[in-house]
Amino acid sequence: MALKAILFDLDNTLIDFVEFKKQCSNAAIRAMVEAGLGMEEEKASALLFKMYDDFGWEDQKIFEKFLKKVSGKIDYRILASGIAAYRRVKTGNLRPYPRIMETLIKLKSKGLTLGIVSDAPKMQAWLRLAETNISEFFDVVVALEDTGRMKPSRMPFKQAIKKLGFKSEEILFVGDNPERDIKGAKGVGMKTALAEYGQLIKGKNKPDFVLKKPFDLLKIVEKCK
């Protein structure tokens, strides 16, 4: 059955979010150390990224939690230095992967409907799309608040199917995580493609297709005619 829509995960599929987060967070740690944080940069960075894993990459209070863990209190001079450095690096540095823009233009020209299924909060998802100048390509965005469930739960995928109005087998899902993206999408009957170029997590769930680079998606669309 021919494809009518393509759904994408956002972070590490369309946007190199982890590398961006590392740059911003390392700048924040460096600034906090310079402001008087009694900890070596390397150890501080390792602890912060462990806390990201524990509390989530979207935690807006992560620096406060970090300072409490390190020193038992929040020194607002150190906190402000870290946040300011983070924001300076953040501005203008969040970018889509190479040729994502070109790929999206080609897909839209073929009459395909495009959408997003992300575990990010809705405002954060839309901000990333706007900051990378690709928001106009997407007709459907399903974020955390839409179902309150994260992938691989089937609920976000079912919500996207409902919004698209197509059969699940007419939809291709593209994501970087086999255990969340591929598992969840296959669970509702979608075709799946693994964004290997952004993959950080290995897994047992096998996709229907593998993308070495974003532009490979156009070849998959031709195969699915």
C-alpha atoms as a PDB file:
ATOM      1  CA  MET A   1       0.000   0.000   0.000  1.00  0.00           C
ATOM      2  CA  ALA A   2       1.380   3.429  -0.991  1.00  0.00           C
ATOM      3  CA  LEU A   3       2.493   5.830   1.717  1.00  0.00           C
ATOM      4  CA  LYS A   4       0.292   8.822   2.457  1.00  0.00           C
ATOM      5  CA  ALA A   5       2.110  10.180   5.505  1.00  0.00           C
ATOM      6  CA  ILE A   6       5.456  10.138   7.286  1.00  0.00           C
ATOM      7  CA  LEU A   7       5.784  10.662  11.014  1.00  0.00           C
ATOM      8  CA  PHE A   8       9.100  11.584  12.616  1.00  0.00           C
ATOM      9  CA  ASP A   9      10.586  11.450  16.045  1.00  0.00           C
ATOM     10  CA  LEU A  10      12.132  14.859  16.737  1.00  0.00           C
ATOM     11  CA  ASP A  11      15.345  14.657  18.776  1.00  0.00           C
ATOM     12  CA  ASN A  12      18.221  12.801  17.064  1.00  0.00           C
ATOM     13  CA  THR A  13      16.025  12.114  14.053  1.00  0.00           C
ATOM     14  CA  LEU A  14      15.395  15.584  12.646  1.00  0.00           C
ATOM     15  CA  ILE A  15      17.585  17.531  15.085  1.00  0.00           C
ATOM     16  CA  ASP A  16      20.990  16.601  16.532  1.00  0.00           C
ATOM     17  CA  PHE A  17      19.661  17.310  20.024  1.00  0.00           C
ATOM     18  CA  VAL A  18      22.171  15.375  22.117  1.00  0.00           C
ATOM     19  CA  GLU A  19      25.184  17.140  20.605  1.00  0.00           C
ATOM     20  CA  PHE A  20      23.399  20.470  21.047  1.00  0.00           C
ATOM     21  CA  LYS A  21      22.592  19.633  24.687  1.00  0.00           C
ATOM     22  CA  LYS A  22      26.208  18.650  25.332  1.00  0.00           C
ATOM     23  CA  GLN A  23      27.530  21.945  23.963  1.00  0.00           C
ATOM     24  CA  CYS A  24      25.089  24.017  26.029  1.00  0.00           C
ATOM     25  CA  SER A  25      25.541  22.003  29.219  1.00  0.00           C
ATOM     26  CA  ASN A  26      29.328  21.889  29.031  1.00  0.00           C
ATOM     27  CA  ALA A  27      29.354  25.669  28.610  1.00  0.00           C
ATOM     28  CA  ALA A  28      27.117  25.959  31.673  1.00  0.00           C
ATOM     29  CA  ILE A  29      29.403  23.719  33.752  1.00  0.00           C
ATOM     30  CA  ARG A  30      32.474  25.683  32.690  1.00  0.00           C
ATOM     31  CA  ALA A  31      30.792  28.946  33.700  1.00  0.00           C
ATOM     32  CA  MET A  32      29.697  27.537  37.061  1.00  0.00           C
ATOM     33  CA  VAL A  33      33.210  26.296  37.812  1.00  0.00           C
ATOM     34  CA  GLU A  34      34.614  29.721  36.937  1.00  0.00           C
ATOM     35  CA  ALA A  35      31.978  31.300  39.219  1.00  0.00           C
ATOM     36  CA  GLY A  36      33.157  29.227  42.177  1.00  0.00           C
ATOM     37  CA  LEU A  37      31.703  25.725  41.887  1.00  0.00           C
ATOM     38  CA  GLY A  38      34.125  23.567  43.866  1.00  0.00           C
ATOM     39  CA  MET A  39      34.330  20.719  41.394  1.00  0.00           C
ATOM     40  CA  GLU A  40      36.439  19.748  38.377  1.00  0.00           C
ATOM     41  CA  GLU A  41      34.745  20.345  35.015  1.00  0.00           C
ATOM     42  CA  GLU A  42      35.020  16.733  33.876  1.00  0.00           C
ATOM     43  CA  LYS A  43      33.477  15.302  37.052  1.00  0.00           C
ATOM     44  CA  ALA A  44      30.783  17.992  37.100  1.00  0.00           C
ATOM     45  CA  SER A  45      29.805  17.280  33.488  1.00  0.00           C
ATOM     46  CA  ALA A  46      29.653  13.535  34.141  1.00  0.00           C
ATOM     47  CA  LEU A  47      27.369  14.104  37.129  1.00  0.00           C
ATOM     48  CA  LEU A  48      25.104  16.510  35.248  1.00  0.00           C
ATOM     49  CA  PHE A  49      24.593  14.092  32.362  1.00  0.00           C
ATOM     50  CA  LYS A  50      23.863  11.270  34.786  1.00  0.00           C
ATOM     51  CA  MET A  51      21.207  13.519  36.296  1.00  0.00           C
ATOM     52  CA  TYR A  52      19.776  14.154  32.824  1.00  0.00           C
ATOM     53  CA  ASP A  53      19.360  10.385  32.510  1.00  0.00           C
ATOM     54  CA  ASP A  54      17.712  10.208  35.945  1.00  0.00           C
ATOM     55  CA  PHE A  55      15.427  13.243  35.729  1.00  0.00           C
ATOM     56  CA  GLY A  56      14.946  13.622  31.972  1.00  0.00           C
ATOM     57  CA  TRP A  57      16.540  15.801  29.303  1.00  0.00           C
ATOM     58  CA  GLU A  58      13.633  18.251  29.511  1.00  0.00           C
ATOM     59  CA  ASP A  59      13.948  18.957  33.255  1.00  0.00           C
ATOM     60  CA  GLN A  60      13.823  22.750  33.561  1.00  0.00           C
ATOM     61  CA  LYS A  61      15.178  22.666  37.144  1.00  0.00           C
ATOM     62  CA  ILE A  62      18.159  20.413  36.476  1.00  0.00           C
ATOM     63  CA  PHE A  63      20.806  23.020  37.383  1.00  0.00           C
ATOM     64  CA  GLU A  64      19.109  23.738  40.721  1.00  0.00           C
ATOM     65  CA  LYS A  65      19.014  19.995  41.453  1.00  0.00           C
ATOM     66  CA  PHE A  66      22.640  19.696  40.371  1.00  0.00           C
ATOM     67  CA  LEU A  67      23.793  22.440  42.750  1.00  0.00           C
ATOM     68  CA  LYS A  68      21.820  20.991  45.645  1.00  0.00           C
ATOM     69  CA  LYS A  69      23.426  17.606  45.043  1.00  0.00           C
ATOM     70  CA  VAL A  70      26.927  19.043  44.801  1.00  0.00           C
ATOM     71  CA  SER A  71      26.827  21.549  47.668  1.00  0.00           C
ATOM     72  CA  GLY A  72      23.543  21.012  49.474  1.00  0.00           C
ATOM     73  CA  LYS A  73      22.274  24.466  48.540  1.00  0.00           C
ATOM     74  CA  ILE A  74      21.673  26.781  45.585  1.00  0.00           C
ATOM     75  CA  ASP A  75      24.217  29.535  45.108  1.00  0.00           C
ATOM     76  CA  TYR A  76      22.304  31.882  42.801  1.00  0.00           C
ATOM     77  CA  ARG A  77      25.443  33.590  41.539  1.00  0.00           C
ATOM     78  CA  ILE A  78      26.758  30.229  40.324  1.00  0.00           C
ATOM     79  CA  LEU A  79      23.328  29.199  39.045  1.00  0.00           C
ATOM     80  CA  ALA A  80      22.884  32.426  37.075  1.00  0.00           C
ATOM     81  CA  SER A  81      26.346  32.070  35.544  1.00  0.00           C
ATOM     82  CA  GLY A  82      25.488  28.560  34.345  1.00  0.00           C
ATOM     83  CA  ILE A  83      22.096  29.490  32.929  1.00  0.00           C
ATOM     84  CA  ALA A  84      23.481  32.545  31.133  1.00  0.00           C
ATOM     85  CA  ALA A  85      26.235  30.475  29.508  1.00  0.00           C
ATOM     86  CA  TYR A  86      23.729  27.803  28.494  1.00  0.00           C
ATOM     87  CA  ARG A  87      21.499  30.395  26.852  1.00  0.00           C
ATOM     88  CA  ARG A  88      24.393  32.028  24.994  1.00  0.00           C
ATOM     89  CA  VAL A  89      25.384  28.729  23.399  1.00  0.00           C
ATOM     90  CA  LYS A  90      21.768  27.737  22.787  1.00  0.00           C
ATOM     91  CA  THR A  91      20.981  30.758  20.631  1.00  0.00           C
ATOM     92  CA  GLY A  92      21.446  29.881  16.993  1.00  0.00           C
ATOM     93  CA  ASN A  93      23.142  26.520  17.593  1.00  0.00           C
ATOM     94  CA  LEU A  94      20.171  24.173  17.358  1.00  0.00           C
ATOM     95  CA  ARG A  95      20.139  22.858  13.803  1.00  0.00           C
ATOM     96  CA  PRO A  96      18.549  20.055  11.811  1.00  0.00           C
ATOM     97  CA  TYR A  97      20.766  17.301  10.451  1.00  0.00           C
ATOM     98  CA  PRO A  98      22.366  17.959   7.041  1.00  0.00           C
ATOM     99  CA  ARG A  99      19.871  17.812   4.138  1.00  0.00           C
ATOM    100  CA  ILE A 100      16.836  17.525   6.439  1.00  0.00           C
ATOM    101  CA  MET A 101      15.360  20.705   4.970  1.00  0.00           C
ATOM    102  CA  GLU A 102      15.906  19.463   1.411  1.00  0.00           C
ATOM    103  CA  THR A 103      14.403  16.083   2.290  1.00  0.00           C
ATOM    104  CA  LEU A 104      11.278  17.647   3.806  1.00  0.00           C
ATOM    105  CA  ILE A 105      10.780  19.858   0.760  1.00  0.00           C
ATOM    106  CA  LYS A 106      11.001  16.830  -1.553  1.00  0.00           C
ATOM    107  CA  LEU A 107       8.578  14.809   0.583  1.00  0.00           C
ATOM    108  CA  LYS A 108       6.000  17.604   0.621  1.00  0.00           C
ATOM    109  CA  SER A 109       6.347  18.005  -3.152  1.00  0.00           C
ATOM    110  CA  LYS A 110       5.295  14.353  -3.462  1.00  0.00           C
ATOM    111  CA  GLY A 111       2.035  15.131  -1.668  1.00  0.00           C
ATOM    112  CA  LEU A 112       2.925  13.390   1.577  1.00  0.00           C
ATOM    113  CA  THR A 113       1.524  14.588   4.898  1.00  0.00           C
ATOM    114  CA  LEU A 114       4.234  15.021   7.525  1.00  0.00           C
ATOM    115  CA  GLY A 115       3.984  14.878  11.299  1.00  0.00           C
ATOM    116  CA  ILE A 116       5.852  14.534  14.581  1.00  0.00           C
ATOM    117  CA  VAL A 117       5.473  12.134  17.521  1.00  0.00           C
ATOM    118  CA  SER A 118       7.740  13.305  20.340  1.00  0.00           C
ATOM    119  CA  ASP A 119       8.150  12.620  24.046  1.00  0.00           C
ATOM    120  CA  ALA A 120       9.050  16.295  24.526  1.00  0.00           C
ATOM    121  CA  PRO A 121       6.545  18.710  26.098  1.00  0.00           C
ATOM    122  CA  LYS A 122       4.452  20.413  23.409  1.00  0.00           C
ATOM    123  CA  MET A 123       5.967  23.901  23.789  1.00  0.00           C
ATOM    124  CA  GLN A 124       9.522  22.534  23.715  1.00  0.00           C
ATOM    125  CA  ALA A 125       8.747  20.491  20.596  1.00  0.00           C
ATOM    126  CA  TRP A 126       7.274  23.491  18.772  1.00  0.00           C
ATOM    127  CA  LEU A 127      10.169  25.716  19.882  1.00  0.00           C
ATOM    128  CA  ARG A 128      12.703  23.304  18.416  1.00  0.00           C
ATOM    129  CA  LEU A 129      10.781  23.147  15.159  1.00  0.00           C
ATOM    130  CA  ALA A 130      10.568  26.951  15.021  1.00  0.00           C
ATOM    131  CA  GLU A 131      14.213  27.491  16.009  1.00  0.00           C
ATOM    132  CA  THR A 132      15.357  25.177  13.225  1.00  0.00           C
ATOM    133  CA  ASN A 133      12.963  26.734  10.674  1.00  0.00           C
ATOM    134  CA  ILE A 134      11.134  23.497   9.841  1.00  0.00           C
ATOM    135  CA  SER A 135       7.804  23.972  11.649  1.00  0.00           C
ATOM    136  CA  GLU A 136       5.944  24.834   8.430  1.00  0.00           C
ATOM    137  CA  PHE A 137       6.422  21.308   7.062  1.00  0.00           C
ATOM    138  CA  PHE A 138       4.398  19.537   9.752  1.00  0.00           C
ATOM    139  CA  ASP A 139       0.624  19.221   9.809  1.00  0.00           C
ATOM    140  CA  VAL A 140       0.440  17.065  12.950  1.00  0.00           C
ATOM    141  CA  VAL A 141       2.514  17.276  16.147  1.00  0.00           C
ATOM    142  CA  VAL A 142       1.809  14.826  18.969  1.00  0.00           C
ATOM    143  CA  ALA A 143       3.733  15.704  22.130  1.00  0.00           C
ATOM    144  CA  LEU A 144       3.750  14.528  25.737  1.00  0.00           C
ATOM    145  CA  GLU A 145       0.644  16.425  26.864  1.00  0.00           C
ATOM    146  CA  ASP A 146      -1.526  14.904  24.134  1.00  0.00           C
ATOM    147  CA  THR A 147      -1.675  11.488  25.805  1.00  0.00           C
ATOM    148  CA  GLY A 148       0.482  11.747  28.920  1.00  0.00           C
ATOM    149  CA  ARG A 149       2.297   8.634  27.753  1.00  0.00           C
ATOM    150  CA  MET A 150       5.763   8.232  26.315  1.00  0.00           C
ATOM    151  CA  LYS A 151       6.940   5.916  23.562  1.00  0.00           C
ATOM    152  CA  PRO A 152       6.882   2.928  23.159  1.00  0.00           C
ATOM    153  CA  SER A 153       3.313   3.264  24.481  1.00  0.00           C
ATOM    154  CA  ARG A 154       0.931   2.871  21.566  1.00  0.00           C
ATOM    155  CA  MET A 155      -1.175   5.815  22.686  1.00  0.00           C
ATOM    156  CA  PRO A 156       0.923   8.623  21.074  1.00  0.00           C
ATOM    157  CA  PHE A 157       1.040   6.682  17.794  1.00  0.00           C
ATOM    158  CA  LYS A 158      -2.706   6.041  17.858  1.00  0.00           C
ATOM    159  CA  GLN A 159      -3.302   9.724  18.519  1.00  0.00           C
ATOM    160  CA  ALA A 160      -1.195  10.601  15.474  1.00  0.00           C
ATOM    161  CA  ILE A 161      -3.113   8.114  13.309  1.00  0.00           C
ATOM    162  CA  LYS A 162      -6.379   9.681  14.448  1.00  0.00           C
ATOM    163  CA  LYS A 163      -5.174  13.182  13.609  1.00  0.00           C
ATOM    164  CA  LEU A 164      -3.828  12.129  10.220  1.00  0.00           C
ATOM    165  CA  GLY A 165      -6.965  10.235   9.233  1.00  0.00           C
ATOM    166  CA  PHE A 166      -5.037   7.498   7.395  1.00  0.00           C
ATOM    167  CA  LYS A 167      -4.684   3.767   7.935  1.00  0.00           C
ATOM    168  CA  SER A 168      -1.636   2.741   9.954  1.00  0.00           C
ATOM    169  CA  GLU A 169      -0.169   0.795   7.029  1.00  0.00           C
ATOM    170  CA  GLU A 170      -0.234   4.023   4.964  1.00  0.00           C
ATOM    171  CA  ILE A 171       2.116   5.693   7.444  1.00  0.00           C
ATOM    172  CA  LEU A 172       5.893   5.408   7.809  1.00  0.00           C
ATOM    173  CA  PHE A 173       7.456   6.258  11.169  1.00  0.00           C
ATOM    174  CA  VAL A 174      11.077   7.451  11.284  1.00  0.00           C
ATOM    175  CA  GLY A 175      12.969   7.370  14.583  1.00  0.00           C
ATOM    176  CA  ASP A 176      16.410   6.802  16.106  1.00  0.00           C
ATOM    177  CA  ASN A 177      15.503   4.512  19.033  1.00  0.00           C
ATOM    178  CA  PRO A 178      14.606   0.854  18.300  1.00  0.00           C
ATOM    179  CA  GLU A 179      13.130   0.277  21.770  1.00  0.00           C
ATOM    180  CA  ARG A 180      10.910   3.353  21.767  1.00  0.00           C
ATOM    181  CA  ASP A 181      10.292   4.550  18.207  1.00  0.00           C
ATOM    182  CA  ILE A 182      10.432   1.327  16.207  1.00  0.00           C
ATOM    183  CA  LYS A 183       8.711  -0.834  18.830  1.00  0.00           C
ATOM    184  CA  GLY A 184       5.881   1.629  19.373  1.00  0.00           C
ATOM    185  CA  ALA A 185       5.230   2.303  15.685  1.00  0.00           C
ATOM    186  CA  LYS A 186       5.325  -1.380  14.727  1.00  0.00           C
ATOM    187  CA  GLY A 187       2.894  -2.062  17.561  1.00  0.00           C
ATOM    188  CA  VAL A 188       0.183  -0.071  15.798  1.00  0.00           C
ATOM    189  CA  GLY A 189       0.970  -1.427  12.323  1.00  0.00           C
ATOM    190  CA  MET A 190       3.026   1.384  10.837  1.00  0.00           C
ATOM    191  CA  LYS A 191       5.967   0.851   8.529  1.00  0.00           C
ATOM    192  CA  THR A 192       9.200   1.851  10.262  1.00  0.00           C
ATOM    193  CA  ALA A 193      12.575   3.349   9.360  1.00  0.00           C
ATOM    194  CA  LEU A 194      15.520   3.597  11.752  1.00  0.00           C
ATOM    195  CA  ALA A 195      17.445   6.893  11.595  1.00  0.00           C
ATOM    196  CA  GLU A 196      20.792   5.178  12.035  1.00  0.00           C
ATOM    197  CA  TYR A 197      22.658   8.480  11.548  1.00  0.00           C
ATOM    198  CA  GLY A 198      21.262   9.681  14.913  1.00  0.00           C
ATOM    199  CA  GLN A 199      21.060   6.360  16.749  1.00  0.00           C
ATOM    200  CA  LEU A 200      22.452   6.287  20.286  1.00  0.00           C
ATOM    201  CA  ILE A 201      20.526   3.326  21.728  1.00  0.00           C
ATOM    202  CA  LYS A 202      20.805  -0.207  20.358  1.00  0.00           C
ATOM    203  CA  GLY A 203      17.842  -2.546  20.487  1.00  0.00           C
ATOM    204  CA  LYS A 204      16.282  -5.788  19.329  1.00  0.00           C
ATOM    205  CA  ASN A 205      13.341  -4.279  17.441  1.00  0.00           C
ATOM    206  CA  LYS A 206      14.072  -4.465  13.730  1.00  0.00           C
ATOM    207  CA  PRO A 207      12.842  -1.697  11.410  1.00  0.00           C
ATOM    208  CA  ASP A 208      11.527  -2.224   7.902  1.00  0.00           C
ATOM    209  CA  PHE A 209      14.153   0.187   6.577  1.00  0.00           C
ATOM    210  CA  VAL A 210      17.441   1.739   7.753  1.00  0.00           C
ATOM    211  CA  LEU A 211      18.479   5.311   6.936  1.00  0.00           C
ATOM    212  CA  LYS A 212      22.212   5.968   6.689  1.00  0.00           C
ATOM    213  CA  LYS A 213      21.399   9.617   6.020  1.00  0.00           C
ATOM    214  CA  PRO A 214      18.143  11.615   5.945  1.00  0.00           C
ATOM    215  CA  PHE A 215      18.007  11.863   2.144  1.00  0.00           C
ATOM    216  CA  ASP A 216      17.726   8.042   1.938  1.00  0.00           C
ATOM    217  CA  LEU A 217      14.098   8.528   2.904  1.00  0.00           C
ATOM    218  CA  LEU A 218      13.266   9.472  -0.680  1.00  0.00           C
ATOM    219  CA  LYS A 219      14.389   6.035  -1.884  1.00  0.00           C
ATOM    220  CA  ILE A 220      12.091   4.389   0.665  1.00  0.00           C
ATOM    221  CA  VAL A 221       9.136   6.441  -0.531  1.00  0.00           C
ATOM    222  CA  GLU A 222       9.781   5.199  -4.076  1.00  0.00           C
ATOM    223  CA  LYS A 223       9.914   1.583  -2.844  1.00  0.00           C
ATOM    224  CA  CYS A 224       6.589   1.958  -1.065  1.00  0.00           C
ATOM    225  CA  LYS A 225       4.644   3.160  -4.123  1.00  0.00           C
END
